[in-house]
């Protein structure tokens, strides 16, 4: 027979688990990004159309918010682009969960983080799940997770490829030899993710060690923004590299979002 003390202890532990889950939900920014806004590198974003009053209780979903819906699990560096595409395509039925862009510097977290979100999405009843990552430095571990769960991802090894269009990027490999790449997000967060993230603010002498084998910085731009162009030029100067800008748009990311919208 369970004593009163044991019952209280079990209740306390259950409360602790609920509190941890609530804390994680609170840490995710449950809001739409305002125009032009970006997630900070350590932030997450959760956008669910099912949270709208008209969609809160799907007729056949038993109250599960994901029933009959599609979830995109993405890198936080793509939040702005995916939100823009959702709006352009009228894809309110596609929900979005962006994981921290800071994992750009610690890719060992990506596979397990995506696995946990997929498993959560299954419990929430999502009909379809799509992952907006490349391999992104996981050495094939992300693909192992996706194969295990029957989930697809964007093509290519990294965001530079799929934002450029993987076929076009691969065709330019010789041209891109010894190039260091930035996207809109990486330009905006160059200081946080690269300069400070690689501790160059404390040890600027490491610039030559890290970037000495590169010849140029190539800014693969999603938008035609003169202010970002100037920031990218400044980044190239700080790294001691030549500068090139290419307006590539959203490449395979846009194609994938169009396909998801049409098939949902």
C-alpha atoms as a PDB file:
ATOM      1  CA  UNK A   1       0.000   0.000   0.000  1.00  0.00           C
ATOM      2  CA  UNK A   2       1.321   3.422  -0.990  1.00  0.00           C
ATOM      3  CA  UNK A   3       1.778   5.759   1.925  1.00  0.00           C
ATOM      4  CA  UNK A   4       0.606   9.365   1.970  1.00  0.00           C
ATOM      5  CA  UNK A   5       4.230  10.512   1.881  1.00  0.00           C
ATOM      6  CA  UNK A   6       4.949   8.468  -1.251  1.00  0.00           C
ATOM      7  CA  UNK A   7       1.814   9.802  -2.976  1.00  0.00           C
ATOM      8  CA  UNK A   8       2.894  13.368  -2.218  1.00  0.00           C
ATOM      9  CA  UNK A   9       6.381  12.665  -3.579  1.00  0.00           C
ATOM     10  CA  UNK A  10       4.972  11.224  -6.800  1.00  0.00           C
ATOM     11  CA  UNK A  11       2.705  14.238  -7.202  1.00  0.00           C
ATOM     12  CA  UNK A  12       5.667  16.566  -6.648  1.00  0.00           C
ATOM     13  CA  UNK A  13       7.706  14.773  -9.323  1.00  0.00           C
ATOM     14  CA  UNK A  14       4.864  14.913 -11.830  1.00  0.00           C
ATOM     15  CA  UNK A  15       4.533  18.612 -11.125  1.00  0.00           C
ATOM     16  CA  UNK A  16       8.247  19.057 -11.731  1.00  0.00           C
ATOM     17  CA  UNK A  17       8.028  17.383 -15.131  1.00  0.00           C
ATOM     18  CA  UNK A  18       5.049  19.542 -16.093  1.00  0.00           C
ATOM     19  CA  UNK A  19       6.928  22.629 -14.940  1.00  0.00           C
ATOM     20  CA  UNK A  20       9.903  21.730 -17.112  1.00  0.00           C
ATOM     21  CA  UNK A  21       7.659  21.236 -20.132  1.00  0.00           C
ATOM     22  CA  UNK A  22       5.935  24.540 -19.440  1.00  0.00           C
ATOM     23  CA  UNK A  23       9.294  26.268 -19.137  1.00  0.00           C
ATOM     24  CA  UNK A  24      10.388  24.930 -22.512  1.00  0.00           C
ATOM     25  CA  UNK A  25       7.133  26.084 -24.094  1.00  0.00           C
ATOM     26  CA  UNK A  26       7.599  29.493 -22.540  1.00  0.00           C
ATOM     27  CA  UNK A  27      11.106  29.737 -23.951  1.00  0.00           C
ATOM     28  CA  UNK A  28       9.774  29.222 -27.458  1.00  0.00           C
ATOM     29  CA  UNK A  29       8.464  32.450 -28.950  1.00  0.00           C
ATOM     30  CA  UNK A  30       4.808  31.688 -29.656  1.00  0.00           C
ATOM     31  CA  UNK A  31       4.279  34.619 -31.983  1.00  0.00           C
ATOM     32  CA  UNK A  32       4.564  35.513 -35.615  1.00  0.00           C
ATOM     33  CA  UNK A  33       7.671  37.439 -36.529  1.00  0.00           C
ATOM     34  CA  UNK A  34       6.974  41.077 -37.372  1.00  0.00           C
ATOM     35  CA  UNK A  35       8.079  42.179 -40.873  1.00  0.00           C
ATOM     36  CA  UNK A  36      11.834  42.089 -41.219  1.00  0.00           C
ATOM     37  CA  UNK A  37      12.407  40.547 -37.787  1.00  0.00           C
ATOM     38  CA  UNK A  38      14.830  37.729 -37.073  1.00  0.00           C
ATOM     39  CA  UNK A  39      15.197  35.146 -34.341  1.00  0.00           C
ATOM     40  CA  UNK A  40      18.247  35.596 -32.164  1.00  0.00           C
ATOM     41  CA  UNK A  41      20.641  32.640 -32.468  1.00  0.00           C
ATOM     42  CA  UNK A  42      19.574  30.967 -29.220  1.00  0.00           C
ATOM     43  CA  UNK A  43      15.820  31.430 -29.638  1.00  0.00           C
ATOM     44  CA  UNK A  44      13.133  29.057 -30.832  1.00  0.00           C
ATOM     45  CA  UNK A  45       9.932  29.915 -32.664  1.00  0.00           C
ATOM     46  CA  UNK A  46       6.607  28.101 -32.608  1.00  0.00           C
ATOM     47  CA  UNK A  47       3.915  29.199 -35.054  1.00  0.00           C
ATOM     48  CA  UNK A  48       0.709  27.182 -35.111  1.00  0.00           C
ATOM     49  CA  UNK A  49      -2.363  28.148 -37.067  1.00  0.00           C
ATOM     50  CA  UNK A  50      -4.200  25.691 -34.850  1.00  0.00           C
ATOM     51  CA  UNK A  51      -3.788  28.189 -32.029  1.00  0.00           C
ATOM     52  CA  UNK A  52      -6.252  30.477 -33.824  1.00  0.00           C
ATOM     53  CA  UNK A  53      -9.706  30.361 -32.277  1.00  0.00           C
ATOM     54  CA  UNK A  54     -11.374  28.955 -35.399  1.00  0.00           C
ATOM     55  CA  UNK A  55      -8.936  26.061 -35.532  1.00  0.00           C
ATOM     56  CA  UNK A  56      -8.381  25.310 -31.863  1.00  0.00           C
ATOM     57  CA  UNK A  57     -10.538  22.162 -31.843  1.00  0.00           C
ATOM     58  CA  UNK A  58     -10.330  20.211 -35.124  1.00  0.00           C
ATOM     59  CA  UNK A  59     -13.623  18.403 -35.767  1.00  0.00           C
ATOM     60  CA  UNK A  60     -11.996  14.987 -36.091  1.00  0.00           C
ATOM     61  CA  UNK A  61      -8.903  15.539 -33.983  1.00  0.00           C
ATOM     62  CA  UNK A  62      -9.965  14.822 -30.452  1.00  0.00           C
ATOM     63  CA  UNK A  63      -8.472  18.183 -29.504  1.00  0.00           C
ATOM     64  CA  UNK A  64      -4.968  17.314 -30.763  1.00  0.00           C
ATOM     65  CA  UNK A  65      -3.658  20.515 -32.315  1.00  0.00           C
ATOM     66  CA  UNK A  66      -1.682  18.779 -35.072  1.00  0.00           C
ATOM     67  CA  UNK A  67      -4.479  16.582 -36.416  1.00  0.00           C
ATOM     68  CA  UNK A  68      -4.663  16.840 -40.206  1.00  0.00           C
ATOM     69  CA  UNK A  69      -1.943  19.485 -40.315  1.00  0.00           C
ATOM     70  CA  UNK A  70       1.625  19.731 -41.601  1.00  0.00           C
ATOM     71  CA  UNK A  71       4.584  20.680 -39.403  1.00  0.00           C
ATOM     72  CA  UNK A  72       7.856  22.099 -40.709  1.00  0.00           C
ATOM     73  CA  UNK A  73      10.785  21.660 -38.297  1.00  0.00           C
ATOM     74  CA  UNK A  74      13.431  24.156 -39.334  1.00  0.00           C
ATOM     75  CA  UNK A  75      16.664  25.838 -38.390  1.00  0.00           C
ATOM     76  CA  UNK A  76      16.019  29.195 -36.736  1.00  0.00           C
ATOM     77  CA  UNK A  77      18.121  30.831 -39.439  1.00  0.00           C
ATOM     78  CA  UNK A  78      15.244  30.145 -41.861  1.00  0.00           C
ATOM     79  CA  UNK A  79      12.419  31.544 -39.707  1.00  0.00           C
ATOM     80  CA  UNK A  80      12.024  34.815 -41.602  1.00  0.00           C
ATOM     81  CA  UNK A  81      12.082  33.140 -45.010  1.00  0.00           C
ATOM     82  CA  UNK A  82       9.586  30.416 -44.071  1.00  0.00           C
ATOM     83  CA  UNK A  83       7.211  32.897 -42.459  1.00  0.00           C
ATOM     84  CA  UNK A  84       7.352  35.018 -45.603  1.00  0.00           C
ATOM     85  CA  UNK A  85       6.678  31.989 -47.820  1.00  0.00           C
ATOM     86  CA  UNK A  86       3.782  30.879 -45.603  1.00  0.00           C
ATOM     87  CA  UNK A  87       2.207  34.295 -46.067  1.00  0.00           C
ATOM     88  CA  UNK A  88       2.846  34.446 -49.819  1.00  0.00           C
ATOM     89  CA  UNK A  89       1.496  30.939 -50.403  1.00  0.00           C
ATOM     90  CA  UNK A  90      -1.479  31.231 -48.059  1.00  0.00           C
ATOM     91  CA  UNK A  91      -0.163  28.251 -46.092  1.00  0.00           C
ATOM     92  CA  UNK A  92      -1.896  28.849 -42.764  1.00  0.00           C
ATOM     93  CA  UNK A  93      -2.393  25.072 -42.466  1.00  0.00           C
ATOM     94  CA  UNK A  94       1.391  24.575 -42.194  1.00  0.00           C
ATOM     95  CA  UNK A  95       2.781  24.959 -38.679  1.00  0.00           C
ATOM     96  CA  UNK A  96       6.397  25.859 -37.966  1.00  0.00           C
ATOM     97  CA  UNK A  97       8.842  25.042 -35.182  1.00  0.00           C
ATOM     98  CA  UNK A  98      12.293  26.588 -35.558  1.00  0.00           C
ATOM     99  CA  UNK A  99      15.119  25.152 -33.477  1.00  0.00           C
ATOM    100  CA  UNK A 100      18.040  27.346 -32.332  1.00  0.00           C
ATOM    101  CA  UNK A 101      20.174  28.762 -35.110  1.00  0.00           C
ATOM    102  CA  UNK A 102      23.080  28.702 -32.646  1.00  0.00           C
ATOM    103  CA  UNK A 103      23.334  24.984 -33.434  1.00  0.00           C
ATOM    104  CA  UNK A 104      25.040  26.198 -36.616  1.00  0.00           C
ATOM    105  CA  UNK A 105      28.192  26.189 -34.445  1.00  0.00           C
ATOM    106  CA  UNK A 106      27.307  23.002 -32.531  1.00  0.00           C
ATOM    107  CA  UNK A 107      25.798  20.630 -35.131  1.00  0.00           C
ATOM    108  CA  UNK A 108      26.092  17.684 -32.743  1.00  0.00           C
ATOM    109  CA  UNK A 109      22.818  18.929 -31.207  1.00  0.00           C
ATOM    110  CA  UNK A 110      20.819  18.945 -34.430  1.00  0.00           C
ATOM    111  CA  UNK A 111      19.974  15.257 -34.918  1.00  0.00           C
ATOM    112  CA  UNK A 112      18.800  14.687 -31.335  1.00  0.00           C
ATOM    113  CA  UNK A 113      16.924  17.981 -31.299  1.00  0.00           C
ATOM    114  CA  UNK A 114      15.075  17.143 -34.504  1.00  0.00           C
ATOM    115  CA  UNK A 115      14.353  13.609 -33.245  1.00  0.00           C
ATOM    116  CA  UNK A 116      12.760  14.979 -30.064  1.00  0.00           C
ATOM    117  CA  UNK A 117      10.572  17.406 -32.027  1.00  0.00           C
ATOM    118  CA  UNK A 118       9.475  14.703 -34.483  1.00  0.00           C
ATOM    119  CA  UNK A 119       8.462  12.415 -31.626  1.00  0.00           C
ATOM    120  CA  UNK A 120       6.551  15.275 -30.003  1.00  0.00           C
ATOM    121  CA  UNK A 121       4.828  16.037 -33.314  1.00  0.00           C
ATOM    122  CA  UNK A 122       3.714  12.414 -33.625  1.00  0.00           C
ATOM    123  CA  UNK A 123       2.118  12.648 -30.197  1.00  0.00           C
ATOM    124  CA  UNK A 124       0.431  15.885 -31.229  1.00  0.00           C
ATOM    125  CA  UNK A 125      -1.127  14.104 -34.198  1.00  0.00           C
ATOM    126  CA  UNK A 126       0.526  15.880 -37.123  1.00  0.00           C
ATOM    127  CA  UNK A 127      -0.351  14.219 -40.410  1.00  0.00           C
ATOM    128  CA  UNK A 128       2.859  15.242 -42.157  1.00  0.00           C
ATOM    129  CA  UNK A 129       6.269  16.404 -40.958  1.00  0.00           C
ATOM    130  CA  UNK A 130       8.969  18.031 -43.074  1.00  0.00           C
ATOM    131  CA  UNK A 131      12.459  19.046 -41.936  1.00  0.00           C
ATOM    132  CA  UNK A 132      13.971  22.267 -43.286  1.00  0.00           C
ATOM    133  CA  UNK A 133      17.627  21.414 -42.716  1.00  0.00           C
ATOM    134  CA  UNK A 134      20.405  20.169 -44.943  1.00  0.00           C
ATOM    135  CA  UNK A 135      22.834  17.681 -43.426  1.00  0.00           C
ATOM    136  CA  UNK A 136      24.281  20.794 -41.761  1.00  0.00           C
ATOM    137  CA  UNK A 137      27.426  19.207 -40.372  1.00  0.00           C
ATOM    138  CA  UNK A 138      25.767  16.226 -38.696  1.00  0.00           C
ATOM    139  CA  UNK A 139      27.833  13.730 -40.700  1.00  0.00           C
ATOM    140  CA  UNK A 140      24.762  11.770 -41.801  1.00  0.00           C
ATOM    141  CA  UNK A 141      23.266  11.479 -38.307  1.00  0.00           C
ATOM    142  CA  UNK A 142      20.298  13.680 -39.206  1.00  0.00           C
ATOM    143  CA  UNK A 143      19.511  11.449 -42.180  1.00  0.00           C
ATOM    144  CA  UNK A 144      19.611   8.406 -39.888  1.00  0.00           C
ATOM    145  CA  UNK A 145      16.992  10.022 -37.654  1.00  0.00           C
ATOM    146  CA  UNK A 146      14.809  10.990 -40.613  1.00  0.00           C
ATOM    147  CA  UNK A 147      15.045   7.518 -42.138  1.00  0.00           C
ATOM    148  CA  UNK A 148      14.035   5.998 -38.808  1.00  0.00           C
ATOM    149  CA  UNK A 149      10.926   8.197 -38.672  1.00  0.00           C
ATOM    150  CA  UNK A 150      10.069   8.308 -42.389  1.00  0.00           C
ATOM    151  CA  UNK A 151      10.524  12.077 -42.676  1.00  0.00           C
ATOM    152  CA  UNK A 152      11.959  14.043 -45.621  1.00  0.00           C
ATOM    153  CA  UNK A 153      14.283  17.049 -45.531  1.00  0.00           C
ATOM    154  CA  UNK A 154      15.582  19.688 -47.901  1.00  0.00           C
ATOM    155  CA  UNK A 155      18.152  18.515 -50.457  1.00  0.00           C
ATOM    156  CA  UNK A 156      21.831  19.280 -50.140  1.00  0.00           C
ATOM    157  CA  UNK A 157      24.523  19.341 -47.523  1.00  0.00           C
ATOM    158  CA  UNK A 158      23.800  22.793 -46.103  1.00  0.00           C
ATOM    159  CA  UNK A 159      21.727  25.963 -46.397  1.00  0.00           C
ATOM    160  CA  UNK A 160      24.154  27.493 -48.887  1.00  0.00           C
ATOM    161  CA  UNK A 161      23.284  24.728 -51.333  1.00  0.00           C
ATOM    162  CA  UNK A 162      19.517  24.592 -50.939  1.00  0.00           C
ATOM    163  CA  UNK A 163      19.063  28.377 -50.789  1.00  0.00           C
ATOM    164  CA  UNK A 164      21.070  28.714 -53.992  1.00  0.00           C
ATOM    165  CA  UNK A 165      19.325  25.740 -55.582  1.00  0.00           C
ATOM    166  CA  UNK A 166      21.325  22.558 -55.044  1.00  0.00           C
ATOM    167  CA  UNK A 167      21.903  21.837 -58.730  1.00  0.00           C
ATOM    168  CA  UNK A 168      23.172  25.357 -59.396  1.00  0.00           C
ATOM    169  CA  UNK A 169      25.383  25.290 -56.312  1.00  0.00           C
ATOM    170  CA  UNK A 170      26.950  21.964 -57.291  1.00  0.00           C
ATOM    171  CA  UNK A 171      27.566  23.244 -60.834  1.00  0.00           C
ATOM    172  CA  UNK A 172      29.568  26.129 -59.358  1.00  0.00           C
ATOM    173  CA  UNK A 173      31.775  24.087 -57.023  1.00  0.00           C
ATOM    174  CA  UNK A 174      34.960  24.907 -58.931  1.00  0.00           C
ATOM    175  CA  UNK A 175      34.036  28.598 -58.940  1.00  0.00           C
ATOM    176  CA  UNK A 176      33.287  28.438 -55.222  1.00  0.00           C
ATOM    177  CA  UNK A 177      36.581  26.779 -54.304  1.00  0.00           C
ATOM    178  CA  UNK A 178      38.136  28.489 -51.269  1.00  0.00           C
ATOM    179  CA  UNK A 179      34.991  30.596 -50.651  1.00  0.00           C
ATOM    180  CA  UNK A 180      33.368  31.355 -47.309  1.00  0.00           C
ATOM    181  CA  UNK A 181      29.583  31.807 -47.451  1.00  0.00           C
ATOM    182  CA  UNK A 182      27.081  34.027 -45.691  1.00  0.00           C
ATOM    183  CA  UNK A 183      23.287  34.170 -46.002  1.00  0.00           C
ATOM    184  CA  UNK A 184      20.965  37.005 -44.970  1.00  0.00           C
ATOM    185  CA  UNK A 185      20.678  35.524 -41.483  1.00  0.00           C
ATOM    186  CA  UNK A 186      24.415  35.037 -41.062  1.00  0.00           C
ATOM    187  CA  UNK A 187      25.073  38.598 -42.218  1.00  0.00           C
ATOM    188  CA  UNK A 188      22.605  39.936 -39.651  1.00  0.00           C
ATOM    189  CA  UNK A 189      24.108  37.793 -36.894  1.00  0.00           C
ATOM    190  CA  UNK A 190      27.741  37.794 -38.009  1.00  0.00           C
ATOM    191  CA  UNK A 191      28.966  39.142 -34.676  1.00  0.00           C
ATOM    192  CA  UNK A 192      27.021  36.677 -32.510  1.00  0.00           C
ATOM    193  CA  UNK A 193      27.470  33.518 -34.554  1.00  0.00           C
ATOM    194  CA  UNK A 194      30.858  34.004 -36.190  1.00  0.00           C
ATOM    195  CA  UNK A 195      32.937  36.779 -34.629  1.00  0.00           C
ATOM    196  CA  UNK A 196      31.977  36.016 -31.023  1.00  0.00           C
ATOM    197  CA  UNK A 197      30.862  32.446 -31.675  1.00  0.00           C
ATOM    198  CA  UNK A 198      34.363  31.585 -32.857  1.00  0.00           C
ATOM    199  CA  UNK A 199      35.911  33.734 -30.087  1.00  0.00           C
ATOM    200  CA  UNK A 200      37.504  36.093 -32.578  1.00  0.00           C
ATOM    201  CA  UNK A 201      36.487  39.016 -30.379  1.00  0.00           C
ATOM    202  CA  UNK A 202      38.862  37.703 -27.710  1.00  0.00           C
ATOM    203  CA  UNK A 203      41.477  36.233 -30.042  1.00  0.00           C
ATOM    204  CA  UNK A 204      41.547  38.204 -33.328  1.00  0.00           C
ATOM    205  CA  UNK A 205      44.877  36.572 -34.141  1.00  0.00           C
ATOM    206  CA  UNK A 206      42.874  33.402 -34.922  1.00  0.00           C
ATOM    207  CA  UNK A 207      41.361  35.014 -38.027  1.00  0.00           C
ATOM    208  CA  UNK A 208      44.315  33.864 -40.116  1.00  0.00           C
ATOM    209  CA  UNK A 209      44.120  30.364 -38.632  1.00  0.00           C
ATOM    210  CA  UNK A 210      40.409  30.012 -39.329  1.00  0.00           C
ATOM    211  CA  UNK A 211      40.133  31.876 -42.640  1.00  0.00           C
ATOM    212  CA  UNK A 212      43.631  31.831 -44.087  1.00  0.00           C
ATOM    213  CA  UNK A 213      42.737  29.142 -46.635  1.00  0.00           C
ATOM    214  CA  UNK A 214      39.794  31.131 -48.007  1.00  0.00           C
ATOM    215  CA  UNK A 215      40.147  33.662 -50.799  1.00  0.00           C
ATOM    216  CA  UNK A 216      36.751  35.361 -50.845  1.00  0.00           C
ATOM    217  CA  UNK A 217      33.528  35.789 -48.910  1.00  0.00           C
ATOM    218  CA  UNK A 218      30.451  35.046 -51.026  1.00  0.00           C
ATOM    219  CA  UNK A 219      27.212  36.561 -49.773  1.00  0.00           C
ATOM    220  CA  UNK A 220      24.339  34.389 -51.028  1.00  0.00           C
ATOM    221  CA  UNK A 221      21.573  36.970 -50.628  1.00  0.00           C
ATOM    222  CA  UNK A 222      17.905  36.119 -50.138  1.00  0.00           C
ATOM    223  CA  UNK A 223      16.857  39.768 -50.474  1.00  0.00           C
ATOM    224  CA  UNK A 224      18.087  42.820 -52.356  1.00  0.00           C
ATOM    225  CA  UNK A 225      18.986  44.874 -49.290  1.00  0.00           C
ATOM    226  CA  UNK A 226      21.757  47.509 -49.575  1.00  0.00           C
ATOM    227  CA  UNK A 227      22.181  47.618 -45.785  1.00  0.00           C
ATOM    228  CA  UNK A 228      22.880  43.877 -45.646  1.00  0.00           C
ATOM    229  CA  UNK A 229      25.204  44.205 -48.632  1.00  0.00           C
ATOM    230  CA  UNK A 230      27.272  46.763 -46.716  1.00  0.00           C
ATOM    231  CA  UNK A 231      27.314  44.581 -43.582  1.00  0.00           C
ATOM    232  CA  UNK A 232      28.522  41.627 -45.657  1.00  0.00           C
ATOM    233  CA  UNK A 233      31.262  43.788 -47.205  1.00  0.00           C
ATOM    234  CA  UNK A 234      32.340  44.847 -43.727  1.00  0.00           C
ATOM    235  CA  UNK A 235      32.460  41.207 -42.644  1.00  0.00           C
ATOM    236  CA  UNK A 236      34.688  40.377 -45.605  1.00  0.00           C
ATOM    237  CA  UNK A 237      37.052  43.182 -44.653  1.00  0.00           C
ATOM    238  CA  UNK A 238      37.228  41.936 -41.055  1.00  0.00           C
ATOM    239  CA  UNK A 239      38.111  38.464 -42.282  1.00  0.00           C
ATOM    240  CA  UNK A 240      40.639  39.785 -44.812  1.00  0.00           C
ATOM    241  CA  UNK A 241      38.762  38.281 -47.777  1.00  0.00           C
ATOM    242  CA  UNK A 242      37.686  39.495 -51.195  1.00  0.00           C
ATOM    243  CA  UNK A 243      33.936  40.072 -51.549  1.00  0.00           C
ATOM    244  CA  UNK A 244      31.267  38.782 -53.911  1.00  0.00           C
ATOM    245  CA  UNK A 245      27.483  39.020 -53.701  1.00  0.00           C
ATOM    246  CA  UNK A 246      24.972  36.800 -55.492  1.00  0.00           C
ATOM    247  CA  UNK A 247      21.212  37.298 -55.229  1.00  0.00           C
ATOM    248  CA  UNK A 248      19.959  33.701 -55.057  1.00  0.00           C
ATOM    249  CA  UNK A 249      16.577  34.064 -53.346  1.00  0.00           C
ATOM    250  CA  UNK A 250      15.220  31.000 -51.546  1.00  0.00           C
ATOM    251  CA  UNK A 251      15.987  28.248 -54.044  1.00  0.00           C
ATOM    252  CA  UNK A 252      14.943  24.756 -52.975  1.00  0.00           C
ATOM    253  CA  UNK A 253      13.346  26.078 -49.781  1.00  0.00           C
ATOM    254  CA  UNK A 254      10.718  27.919 -51.818  1.00  0.00           C
ATOM    255  CA  UNK A 255      10.166  24.890 -54.045  1.00  0.00           C
ATOM    256  CA  UNK A 256       9.668  22.639 -51.009  1.00  0.00           C
ATOM    257  CA  UNK A 257       7.205  25.045 -49.383  1.00  0.00           C
ATOM    258  CA  UNK A 258       5.217  25.289 -52.620  1.00  0.00           C
ATOM    259  CA  UNK A 259       5.042  21.494 -52.802  1.00  0.00           C
ATOM    260  CA  UNK A 260       3.970  21.157 -49.169  1.00  0.00           C
ATOM    261  CA  UNK A 261       1.281  23.800 -49.667  1.00  0.00           C
ATOM    262  CA  UNK A 262      -0.082  22.119 -52.785  1.00  0.00           C
ATOM    263  CA  UNK A 263      -0.114  18.619 -51.280  1.00  0.00           C
ATOM    264  CA  UNK A 264      -1.644  19.513 -47.923  1.00  0.00           C
END
